Protein backbone atom coordinates (compact mmCIF):
# COMPACT_ATOMS: atom_id res chain seq x y z
CA UNK A 1 0.00 0.00 0.00
CA UNK A 2 1.19 3.53 -0.77
CA UNK A 3 2.33 5.82 2.07
CA UNK A 4 1.51 9.37 0.95
CA UNK A 5 2.15 12.81 2.39
CA UNK A 6 -0.26 15.68 1.66
CA UNK A 7 2.11 16.98 -1.03
CA UNK A 8 2.28 13.55 -2.65
CA UNK A 9 -1.49 13.11 -2.39
CA UNK A 10 -1.99 16.41 -4.24
CA UNK A 11 -0.45 14.81 -7.32
CA UNK A 12 -3.45 12.49 -7.59
CA UNK A 13 -5.75 15.52 -7.76
CA UNK A 14 -3.89 17.58 -10.34
CA UNK A 15 -6.43 16.97 -13.12
CA UNK A 16 -8.23 20.11 -14.19
CA UNK A 17 -11.64 18.83 -13.03
CA UNK A 18 -10.45 18.84 -9.38
CA UNK A 19 -8.98 22.35 -9.74
CA UNK A 20 -12.28 23.58 -11.18
CA UNK A 21 -14.30 22.00 -8.35
CA UNK A 22 -11.91 23.65 -5.87
CA UNK A 23 -12.38 27.08 -7.46
CA UNK A 24 -16.20 26.78 -7.46
CA UNK A 25 -16.30 25.59 -3.83
CA UNK A 26 -14.09 28.48 -2.68
CA UNK A 27 -16.16 31.00 -4.64
CA UNK A 28 -19.33 29.70 -2.96
CA UNK A 29 -17.61 29.55 0.43
CA UNK A 30 -18.31 25.85 1.12
CA UNK A 31 -16.13 22.94 2.21
CA UNK A 32 -15.66 20.30 -0.48
CA UNK A 33 -14.12 16.81 -0.30
CA UNK A 34 -13.51 13.80 -2.52
CA UNK A 35 -14.65 10.78 -0.47
CA UNK A 36 -14.90 7.00 -0.50
CA UNK A 37 -13.68 4.55 -3.09
CA UNK A 38 -11.72 7.02 -5.24
CA UNK A 39 -9.53 7.96 -2.26
CA UNK A 40 -9.26 4.37 -1.02
CA UNK A 41 -8.12 3.12 -4.42
CA UNK A 42 -5.35 5.73 -4.64
CA UNK A 43 -3.71 4.12 -1.60
CA UNK A 44 -4.36 0.62 -2.96
CA UNK A 45 -2.98 1.61 -6.38
CA UNK A 46 -6.17 0.42 -8.06
CA UNK A 47 -7.80 2.20 -11.01
CA UNK A 48 -11.02 3.99 -10.08
CA UNK A 49 -13.45 6.04 -12.16
CA UNK A 50 -16.05 6.74 -9.46
CA UNK A 51 -15.43 10.28 -8.19
CA UNK A 52 -17.74 11.13 -5.28
CA UNK A 53 -17.67 14.67 -3.89
CA UNK A 54 -19.23 15.68 -0.57
CA UNK A 55 -20.09 19.34 -0.05
CA UNK A 56 -20.78 20.77 3.39
CA UNK A 57 -23.79 22.57 1.97
CA UNK A 58 -25.62 21.87 -1.29
CA UNK A 59 -23.96 19.46 -3.67
CA UNK A 60 -26.52 20.40 -6.32
CA UNK A 61 -25.58 24.10 -6.15
CA UNK A 62 -21.86 23.26 -6.56
CA UNK A 63 -22.57 20.91 -9.50
CA UNK A 64 -24.72 23.49 -11.30
CA UNK A 65 -22.16 26.26 -10.74
CA UNK A 66 -19.39 23.96 -12.00
CA UNK A 67 -21.44 23.13 -15.11
CA UNK A 68 -21.78 26.84 -15.92
CA UNK A 69 -18.08 27.44 -15.31
CA UNK A 70 -17.02 24.58 -17.63
CA UNK A 71 -19.48 25.62 -20.35
CA UNK A 72 -19.89 23.57 -23.50
CA UNK A 73 -19.20 19.86 -23.06
CA UNK A 74 -20.40 19.80 -19.45
CA UNK A 75 -23.70 18.09 -18.68
CA UNK A 76 -25.34 18.22 -15.27
CA UNK A 77 -28.14 15.89 -14.14
CA UNK A 78 -29.95 16.84 -10.92
CA UNK A 79 -31.80 14.39 -8.67
CA UNK A 80 -33.51 16.69 -6.18
CA UNK A 81 -35.39 13.90 -4.39
CA UNK A 82 -32.03 12.43 -3.38
CA UNK A 83 -30.19 15.72 -3.00
CA UNK A 84 -27.56 14.65 -5.53
CA UNK A 85 -26.24 15.76 -8.91
CA UNK A 86 -24.02 14.18 -11.55
CA UNK A 87 -21.66 16.08 -13.83
CA UNK A 88 -20.25 14.56 -17.00
CA UNK A 89 -17.35 16.34 -18.67
CA UNK A 90 -14.91 15.03 -21.27
CA UNK A 91 -15.31 11.39 -20.27
CA UNK A 92 -15.22 12.08 -16.52
CA UNK A 93 -18.20 11.61 -14.21
CA UNK A 94 -18.46 13.25 -10.80
CA UNK A 95 -21.23 12.66 -8.26
CA UNK A 96 -22.04 15.55 -5.90
CA UNK A 97 -23.95 15.26 -2.63
CA UNK A 98 -24.40 17.45 0.39
CA UNK A 99 -22.92 16.24 3.68
CA UNK A 100 -25.66 14.56 5.66
CA UNK A 101 -26.54 12.57 8.72
CA UNK A 102 -29.00 9.70 8.61
CA UNK A 103 -31.45 7.92 10.90
CA UNK A 104 -33.26 4.66 10.09
CA UNK A 105 -36.50 2.89 10.92
CA UNK A 106 -36.39 -0.86 11.59
CA UNK A 107 -38.41 -1.90 8.53
CA UNK A 108 -36.54 0.04 5.84
CA UNK A 109 -33.01 0.71 4.62
CA UNK A 110 -34.13 4.15 3.35
CA UNK A 111 -32.91 6.69 5.90
CA UNK A 112 -34.38 9.95 7.14
CA UNK A 113 -31.77 12.45 5.90
CA UNK A 114 -30.73 15.78 7.40
CA UNK A 115 -28.03 18.26 6.47
CA UNK A 116 -24.84 17.51 8.37
CA UNK A 117 -21.14 18.11 8.76
CA UNK A 118 -18.27 16.21 7.16
CA UNK A 119 -18.00 14.27 10.43
CA UNK A 120 -21.69 13.30 10.21
CA UNK A 121 -21.16 12.15 6.63
CA UNK A 122 -18.13 10.05 7.48
CA UNK A 123 -19.98 8.52 10.45
CA UNK A 124 -22.66 7.15 8.09
CA UNK A 125 -20.15 5.43 5.79
CA UNK A 126 -20.16 1.64 5.69
CA UNK A 127 -16.47 0.87 6.34
CA UNK A 128 -13.46 2.76 7.61
CA UNK A 129 -11.62 2.32 4.31
CA UNK A 130 -14.56 3.99 2.54
CA UNK A 131 -14.72 6.91 4.98
CA UNK A 132 -11.48 8.52 3.78
CA UNK A 133 -11.81 12.08 2.47
CA UNK A 134 -9.44 14.50 0.72
CA UNK A 135 -10.12 18.24 0.90
CA UNK A 136 -10.34 20.21 -2.36
CA UNK A 137 -10.49 23.72 -0.89
CA UNK A 138 -7.38 25.72 -1.82
CA UNK A 139 -6.29 26.35 1.79
CA UNK A 140 -6.26 22.59 2.57
CA UNK A 141 -5.90 21.09 -0.93
CA UNK A 142 -4.84 17.43 -0.76
CA UNK A 143 -5.29 17.13 3.00
CA UNK A 144 -6.49 13.68 4.10
CA UNK A 145 -9.29 13.47 6.68
CA UNK A 146 -9.26 10.02 8.30
CA UNK A 147 -11.19 10.00 11.61
CA UNK A 148 -11.48 6.19 11.87
CA UNK A 149 -7.90 5.14 11.03
CA UNK A 150 -8.97 3.82 7.63
CA UNK A 151 -5.35 4.08 6.45
CA UNK A 152 -4.30 1.69 9.22
CA UNK A 153 -7.06 -0.71 8.17
CA UNK A 154 -5.81 -0.53 4.59
CA UNK A 155 -2.31 -1.40 5.85
CA UNK A 156 -3.72 -4.28 7.91
CA UNK A 157 -5.99 -5.34 5.01
CA UNK A 158 -9.00 -5.24 7.32
CA UNK A 159 -12.69 -4.49 6.77
CA UNK A 160 -14.20 -2.72 9.79
CA UNK A 161 -17.20 -0.45 10.34
CA UNK A 162 -16.62 3.13 11.54
CA UNK A 163 -19.22 2.88 14.31
CA UNK A 164 -20.98 0.01 16.12
CA UNK A 165 -21.29 -2.77 13.47
CA UNK A 166 -24.65 -3.90 14.85
CA UNK A 167 -26.05 -0.43 14.17
CA UNK A 168 -24.33 -0.18 10.79
CA UNK A 169 -25.70 -3.52 9.56
CA UNK A 170 -29.14 -3.22 11.15
CA UNK A 171 -29.62 0.25 9.65
CA UNK A 172 -28.76 -0.90 6.12
CA UNK A 173 -28.49 -4.71 5.86
CA UNK A 174 -27.13 -4.50 2.30
CA UNK A 175 -23.88 -3.45 3.98
CA UNK A 176 -23.51 -7.06 5.14
CA UNK A 177 -23.26 -8.19 1.52
CA UNK A 178 -20.96 -5.26 0.74
CA UNK A 179 -18.75 -6.20 3.69
CA UNK A 180 -18.15 -9.68 2.31
CA UNK A 181 -17.92 -8.39 -1.26
CA UNK A 182 -15.16 -5.88 -0.39
CA UNK A 183 -13.26 -8.49 1.62
CA UNK A 184 -13.45 -10.86 -1.37
CA UNK A 185 -12.54 -8.31 -4.05
CA UNK A 186 -9.65 -6.82 -2.10
CA UNK A 187 -8.52 -10.08 -0.44
CA UNK A 188 -8.98 -8.39 2.95
CA UNK A 189 -9.98 -9.92 6.28
CA UNK A 190 -13.12 -8.96 8.16
CA UNK A 191 -12.49 -7.63 11.68
CA UNK A 192 -13.70 -10.12 14.33
CA UNK A 193 -16.23 -7.77 15.92
CA UNK A 194 -17.56 -6.80 12.49
CA UNK A 195 -17.84 -10.45 11.42
CA UNK A 196 -19.70 -11.46 14.57
CA UNK A 197 -22.20 -8.66 13.88
CA UNK A 198 -22.86 -10.20 10.46
CA UNK A 199 -24.14 -13.33 12.17
CA UNK A 200 -26.20 -11.43 14.71
CA UNK A 201 -27.91 -9.32 12.06
CA UNK A 202 -28.21 -11.83 9.22
CA UNK A 203 -32.03 -12.05 9.42
CA UNK A 204 -32.19 -8.34 8.56
CA UNK A 205 -31.25 -9.26 4.98
CA UNK A 206 -34.95 -10.04 4.47
CA UNK A 207 -35.74 -6.34 3.90
CA UNK A 208 -33.26 -6.09 1.00
CA UNK A 209 -34.55 -6.61 -2.54
CA UNK A 210 -33.42 -9.69 -4.43
CA UNK A 211 -32.04 -7.44 -7.19
CA UNK A 212 -29.65 -5.69 -4.79
CA UNK A 213 -28.54 -9.00 -3.27
CA UNK A 214 -27.94 -10.47 -6.74
CA UNK A 215 -25.88 -7.42 -7.72
CA UNK A 216 -23.55 -7.94 -4.75
CA UNK A 217 -23.47 -11.70 -5.35
CA UNK A 218 -22.41 -11.12 -8.96
CA UNK A 219 -19.56 -8.90 -7.78
CA UNK A 220 -18.42 -11.64 -5.41
CA UNK A 221 -18.59 -14.18 -8.25
CA UNK A 222 -16.48 -11.85 -10.44
CA UNK A 223 -13.79 -11.51 -7.75
CA UNK A 224 -10.34 -13.06 -8.32
CA UNK A 225 -10.98 -15.87 -5.78
CA UNK A 226 -14.77 -15.97 -5.33
CA UNK A 227 -14.72 -18.96 -2.94
CA UNK A 228 -13.53 -16.59 -0.19
CA UNK A 229 -16.82 -14.72 -0.37
CA UNK A 230 -19.01 -17.81 -0.36
CA UNK A 231 -17.15 -19.28 2.60
CA UNK A 232 -17.64 -16.04 4.54
CA UNK A 233 -21.32 -15.91 3.53
CA UNK A 234 -21.70 -19.45 4.82
CA UNK A 235 -19.77 -18.87 8.05
CA UNK A 236 -21.93 -15.92 9.07
CA UNK A 237 -25.21 -17.63 8.15
CA UNK A 238 -26.19 -15.35 5.25
CA UNK A 239 -25.78 -17.99 2.54
CA UNK A 240 -28.60 -20.22 3.80
CA UNK A 241 -30.92 -17.21 3.67
CA UNK A 242 -30.02 -15.98 0.18
CA UNK A 243 -28.96 -19.22 -1.57
CA UNK A 244 -30.19 -22.32 0.32
CA UNK A 245 -29.72 -24.60 -2.71
CA UNK A 246 -25.96 -24.06 -2.49
CA UNK A 247 -25.83 -24.76 1.25
CA UNK A 248 -27.55 -28.12 0.67
CA UNK A 249 -24.43 -29.26 -1.21
CA UNK A 250 -22.55 -29.36 2.09
CA UNK A 251 -21.55 -32.43 4.00
CA UNK A 252 -20.17 -35.92 3.45
CA UNK A 253 -22.19 -39.04 4.19
CA UNK A 254 -20.42 -42.37 4.72
CA UNK A 255 -22.04 -45.79 4.48
CA UNK A 256 -20.25 -49.16 4.62
CA UNK A 257 -16.97 -47.26 4.55
CA UNK A 258 -17.85 -45.46 1.33
CA UNK A 259 -18.17 -41.68 1.31
CA UNK A 260 -18.55 -38.99 -1.34
CA UNK A 261 -16.79 -35.65 -1.66
CA UNK A 262 -18.23 -32.51 -0.08
CA UNK A 263 -19.95 -31.04 -3.12
CA UNK A 264 -20.07 -27.53 -1.61
CA UNK A 265 -16.29 -27.21 -1.40
CA UNK A 266 -15.88 -29.05 -4.70
CA UNK A 267 -18.18 -26.49 -6.33
CA UNK A 268 -16.18 -23.59 -4.89
CA UNK A 269 -12.97 -25.18 -6.16
CA UNK A 270 -14.49 -25.47 -9.65
CA UNK A 271 -15.60 -21.82 -9.44
CA UNK A 272 -12.08 -20.72 -8.48
CA UNK A 273 -10.61 -22.86 -11.27
CA UNK A 274 -12.87 -21.33 -13.93
CA UNK A 275 -12.19 -17.84 -12.56
CA UNK A 276 -8.51 -18.26 -13.43
CA UNK A 277 -9.54 -18.73 -17.06
CA UNK A 278 -12.40 -16.30 -17.70
CA UNK A 279 -14.19 -13.15 -16.53
CA UNK A 280 -17.44 -14.35 -18.12
CA UNK A 281 -19.97 -13.91 -15.28
CA UNK A 282 -22.42 -16.45 -16.71
CA UNK A 283 -19.76 -19.10 -17.25
CA UNK A 284 -18.82 -18.59 -13.60
CA UNK A 285 -22.52 -19.00 -12.70
CA UNK A 286 -22.54 -22.26 -14.66
CA UNK A 287 -19.60 -23.44 -12.54
CA UNK A 288 -21.46 -22.48 -9.36
CA UNK A 289 -24.59 -24.37 -10.44
CA UNK A 290 -23.07 -27.33 -12.28
CA UNK A 291 -23.68 -29.79 -9.39
CA UNK A 292 -26.64 -27.99 -7.82
CA UNK A 293 -28.92 -31.04 -8.21
CA UNK A 294 -26.62 -33.52 -6.46
CA UNK A 295 -28.54 -33.35 -3.14
CA UNK A 296 -31.85 -34.25 -4.81
CA UNK A 297 -30.36 -37.01 -7.02
CA UNK A 298 -28.16 -38.59 -4.33
CA UNK A 299 -28.80 -42.32 -3.92
CA UNK A 300 -27.08 -45.24 -2.18
CA UNK A 301 -26.59 -48.28 -4.40
CA UNK A 302 -25.03 -51.18 -2.44
CA UNK A 303 -22.97 -52.55 -5.34
CA UNK A 304 -21.71 -49.14 -6.45
CA UNK A 305 -21.85 -46.73 -3.54
CA UNK A 306 -23.14 -43.16 -3.72
CA UNK A 307 -24.59 -42.09 -7.07
CA UNK A 308 -25.95 -38.83 -8.47
CA UNK A 309 -27.56 -40.12 -11.67
CA UNK A 310 -28.84 -37.45 -14.07
CA UNK A 311 -27.83 -34.61 -11.74
CA UNK A 312 -26.85 -32.60 -14.82
CA UNK A 313 -30.32 -32.86 -16.37
CA UNK A 314 -32.12 -32.22 -13.07
CA UNK A 315 -29.75 -29.31 -12.42
CA UNK A 316 -30.56 -27.78 -15.81
CA UNK A 317 -34.26 -27.88 -14.86
CA UNK A 318 -33.47 -26.11 -11.57
CA UNK A 319 -31.64 -23.20 -13.22
CA UNK A 320 -34.74 -21.19 -14.32
CA UNK A 321 -36.28 -21.33 -10.84
CA UNK A 322 -33.02 -20.22 -9.20
CA UNK A 323 -32.63 -17.35 -11.67
CA UNK A 324 -36.26 -16.31 -11.22
CA UNK A 325 -36.03 -16.35 -7.43
CA UNK A 326 -32.78 -14.37 -7.45
CA UNK A 327 -34.10 -11.86 -10.01
CA UNK A 328 -31.33 -12.76 -12.44
CA UNK A 329 -32.04 -12.24 -16.15
CA UNK A 330 -34.56 -14.72 -17.60
CA UNK A 331 -33.15 -14.45 -21.12
CA UNK A 332 -30.40 -15.98 -23.23
CA UNK A 333 -27.98 -15.67 -20.27
CA UNK A 334 -30.14 -18.02 -18.20
CA UNK A 335 -30.49 -20.39 -21.17
CA UNK A 336 -26.70 -20.36 -21.61
CA UNK A 337 -26.16 -21.35 -17.96
CA UNK A 338 -28.90 -23.98 -18.21
CA UNK A 339 -27.31 -25.42 -21.34
CA UNK A 340 -23.84 -25.71 -19.80
CA UNK A 341 -25.20 -27.26 -16.59
CA UNK A 342 -27.12 -29.82 -18.67
CA UNK A 343 -24.12 -30.70 -20.85
CA UNK A 344 -21.28 -30.53 -18.33
CA UNK A 345 -21.04 -34.33 -17.91
CA UNK A 346 -20.82 -35.09 -21.63
CA UNK A 347 -17.15 -34.25 -22.27
CA UNK A 348 -16.21 -36.03 -19.02
CA UNK A 349 -17.99 -39.21 -20.14
CA UNK A 350 -16.35 -38.99 -23.55
CA UNK A 351 -12.91 -38.41 -22.02
CA UNK A 352 -13.36 -41.36 -19.66
CA UNK A 353 -14.19 -43.72 -22.51
CA UNK A 354 -12.92 -44.17 -26.06
CA UNK A 355 -13.11 -40.80 -27.81
CA UNK A 356 -15.23 -41.68 -30.86
CA UNK A 357 -15.97 -39.36 -33.77
CA UNK A 358 -19.69 -39.95 -33.32
CA UNK A 359 -19.72 -38.88 -29.66
CA UNK A 360 -17.67 -35.77 -30.41
CA UNK A 361 -19.91 -34.83 -33.37
CA UNK A 362 -22.99 -35.04 -31.14
CA UNK A 363 -21.31 -32.97 -28.45
CA UNK A 364 -20.36 -30.31 -30.99
CA UNK A 365 -23.88 -30.29 -32.41
CA UNK A 366 -25.54 -29.84 -29.02
CA UNK A 367 -23.06 -27.32 -27.60
CA UNK A 368 -22.82 -25.23 -30.76
CA UNK A 369 -20.99 -21.93 -30.25
CA UNK A 370 -20.68 -22.61 -26.52
CA UNK A 371 -18.43 -25.65 -26.99
CA UNK A 372 -15.25 -23.81 -25.94
CA UNK A 373 -16.90 -22.54 -22.74
CA UNK A 374 -18.20 -26.04 -22.02
CA UNK A 375 -14.72 -27.48 -22.34
CA UNK A 376 -13.34 -24.82 -19.97
CA UNK A 377 -16.04 -25.74 -17.44
CA UNK A 378 -15.29 -29.44 -17.73
CA UNK A 379 -11.56 -28.94 -17.29
CA UNK A 380 -12.25 -26.78 -14.22
CA UNK A 381 -14.45 -29.60 -12.88
CA UNK A 382 -11.53 -32.01 -12.59
CA UNK A 383 -10.57 -31.50 -8.94
CA UNK A 384 -9.42 -35.02 -8.13
CA UNK A 385 -6.58 -35.24 -5.62
CA UNK A 386 -5.39 -38.36 -7.49
CA UNK A 387 -2.70 -36.87 -9.72
CA UNK A 388 -2.70 -39.74 -12.23
CA UNK A 389 -6.50 -39.66 -12.62
CA UNK A 390 -6.46 -35.87 -13.03
CA UNK A 391 -3.70 -36.00 -15.65
CA UNK A 392 -5.52 -38.77 -17.55
CA UNK A 393 -8.72 -36.73 -17.73
CA UNK A 394 -6.93 -33.54 -18.75
CA UNK A 395 -4.94 -35.39 -21.44
CA UNK A 396 -8.14 -36.97 -22.76
CA UNK A 397 -9.76 -33.53 -22.83
CA UNK A 398 -6.93 -32.39 -25.08
CA UNK A 399 -7.74 -35.32 -27.35
CA UNK A 400 -11.43 -34.29 -27.32
CA UNK A 401 -10.42 -30.71 -28.18
CA UNK A 402 -8.30 -31.91 -31.14
CA UNK A 403 -11.16 -34.07 -32.40
CA UNK A 404 -13.57 -31.15 -32.02
CA UNK A 405 -11.30 -28.98 -34.12
CA UNK A 406 -10.72 -31.66 -36.77
CA UNK A 407 -14.40 -32.60 -37.08
CA UNK A 408 -15.50 -28.97 -37.17
CA UNK A 409 -13.11 -28.25 -40.03
CA UNK A 410 -14.12 -31.41 -41.88
CA UNK A 411 -17.83 -31.80 -41.21
CA UNK A 412 -19.00 -28.26 -40.30
CA UNK A 413 -21.20 -29.72 -37.53
CA UNK A 414 -21.41 -26.72 -35.19
CA UNK A 415 -24.96 -25.30 -35.30
CA UNK A 416 -25.63 -27.26 -38.48
CA UNK A 417 -29.10 -27.91 -39.89
CA UNK A 418 -29.65 -31.11 -41.91
CA UNK A 419 -28.87 -30.27 -45.55
CA UNK A 420 -32.31 -31.62 -46.58
CA UNK A 421 -34.98 -29.43 -45.01
CA UNK A 422 -38.43 -30.41 -43.81
CA UNK A 423 -39.94 -28.40 -46.67
CA UNK A 424 -37.92 -30.37 -49.22
CA UNK A 425 -39.00 -33.69 -47.65
CA UNK A 426 -42.68 -32.68 -47.84
CA UNK A 427 -42.29 -31.62 -51.47
CA UNK A 428 -40.45 -34.80 -52.57
CA UNK A 429 -43.04 -37.13 -51.01
CA UNK A 430 -46.07 -34.84 -51.27
CA UNK A 431 -46.57 -34.93 -47.49
CA UNK A 432 -48.25 -32.43 -45.18
CA UNK A 433 -46.50 -31.52 -41.90
CA UNK A 434 -46.56 -34.83 -39.97
CA UNK A 435 -44.45 -37.14 -37.77
CA UNK A 436 -43.02 -38.93 -40.84
CA UNK A 437 -41.36 -35.68 -41.97
CA UNK A 438 -39.79 -35.21 -38.54
CA UNK A 439 -38.70 -38.84 -38.48
CA UNK A 440 -36.91 -38.53 -41.82
CA UNK A 441 -35.25 -35.26 -40.83
CA UNK A 442 -34.03 -36.79 -37.53
CA UNK A 443 -32.72 -39.88 -39.34
CA UNK A 444 -30.68 -37.66 -41.67
CA UNK A 445 -29.32 -35.68 -38.73
CA UNK A 446 -28.36 -38.86 -36.84
CA UNK A 447 -26.70 -40.36 -39.92
CA UNK A 448 -24.51 -37.27 -40.28
CA UNK A 449 -23.65 -37.14 -36.57
CA UNK A 450 -22.82 -40.87 -36.55
CA UNK A 451 -20.58 -40.45 -39.59
CA UNK A 452 -22.74 -42.71 -41.81
CA UNK A 453 -22.96 -39.97 -44.45
CA UNK A 454 -21.10 -36.68 -44.93
CA UNK A 455 -22.76 -33.35 -44.14
CA UNK A 456 -23.63 -32.74 -47.81
CA UNK A 457 -26.96 -32.35 -49.64
CA UNK A 458 -26.54 -35.07 -52.26
CA UNK A 459 -25.49 -37.72 -49.74
CA UNK A 460 -28.29 -36.69 -47.38
CA UNK A 461 -30.85 -36.75 -50.24
CA UNK A 462 -29.86 -40.26 -51.27
CA UNK A 463 -30.00 -41.44 -47.65
CA UNK A 464 -33.47 -39.90 -47.34
CA UNK A 465 -34.74 -41.84 -50.36
CA UNK A 466 -33.45 -45.12 -48.95
CA UNK A 467 -34.93 -44.49 -45.50
CA UNK A 468 -38.27 -43.36 -46.99
CA UNK A 469 -38.50 -46.58 -49.02
CA UNK A 470 -38.25 -48.61 -45.79
CA UNK A 471 -41.07 -46.48 -44.40
CA UNK A 472 -43.28 -47.20 -47.45
CA UNK A 473 -42.97 -43.69 -48.87
CA UNK A 474 -42.56 -43.17 -52.61
CA UNK A 475 -41.05 -40.19 -54.31
CA UNK A 476 -43.54 -38.10 -56.29
CA UNK A 477 -42.41 -37.89 -59.89
């Protein structure tokens, strides 16, 4: 972490926009500070675009005056109900708000707001590392205001609330999700007193909308090592309230000396593995949900041991309900996750057996453009502690990948449609839309996927005539 004097800190506020804000604030005779994440990320040497400015007075008045001063190219949006304003200027966005103090009722996270001092405003901040402020007034330009030793917490890599954590979390329970999210994103630790308050106040999460919870959950999933967040959510008791299906994966049951792996920790390992390879949020969701149906498909079979037959298909059916409940998008993103959950066992089965052209063709046909993401998921899913078994699977996956590439180049199977269409079948045999048309079209598709005929019109047409003859259909001359 950077150690900065006031003079050194000034260098991070040398852009013209800060000088202009300073001049406007001094002209109006009000105190003005950059607060929160922008200041925090300077010390952490992280890029940050979110510039939040607190004015001891009216943030709207300062924003409007700044817009007039900057002239053309400056656009100010005012939100009077919230007492805030946003200024956009040459690719930079600045949020202005008046310093305020807040009080809460038990059934809402929307506070009663009053004008306040800088101290009042810093008191209402969620965490000490987000309560840092840098003055923009000329007489104190670049001066850091840190009443809660946020700099020390940055050095110690600690998340802590400025005031009593029970009050902080009870007032606005979304801060509990933010607490774990920041700890996960920054790879920080949560102060013991703060963490214990998470457990005591976890039931308060019920007043937070599913959309806001999902937004924080997505940020945890997009963190470098997302398992940290899910383990903390589980430890404090929040996970069973917001995502009970995931908690049900926990535990190992042993019978006759045979146990199964803990599917909760396996899932988190798969999520971490995939996160090393991709920032695709929905592929990470697929990793999180790939085994979600194991608890409901778990069976004991005396000759085999524990089984989870068809957990991929059952899991795919669970995806829409989980997305709907969590207010995640019910569109092609959900269908993408559902598809990968449903198919995630296919490459593993192929890799564990002889890698046949037919099996790979069918996999390519069903996965389509998502085949590369599916293969990433399947490779991430190999978490065996048996080094030889893990190497064998990964080597076989490379063989599957080579076959996928070769067959795609040769047969053009990805997203293919049978070269003889349903309309052509109906015309050749003078048939209306009926099961026989579908049967012929499926037979052609299967013949191509099984390598019986090439993916070409003439070969498919000839195959159709032969199959139709067996069905008692004659070509119309």
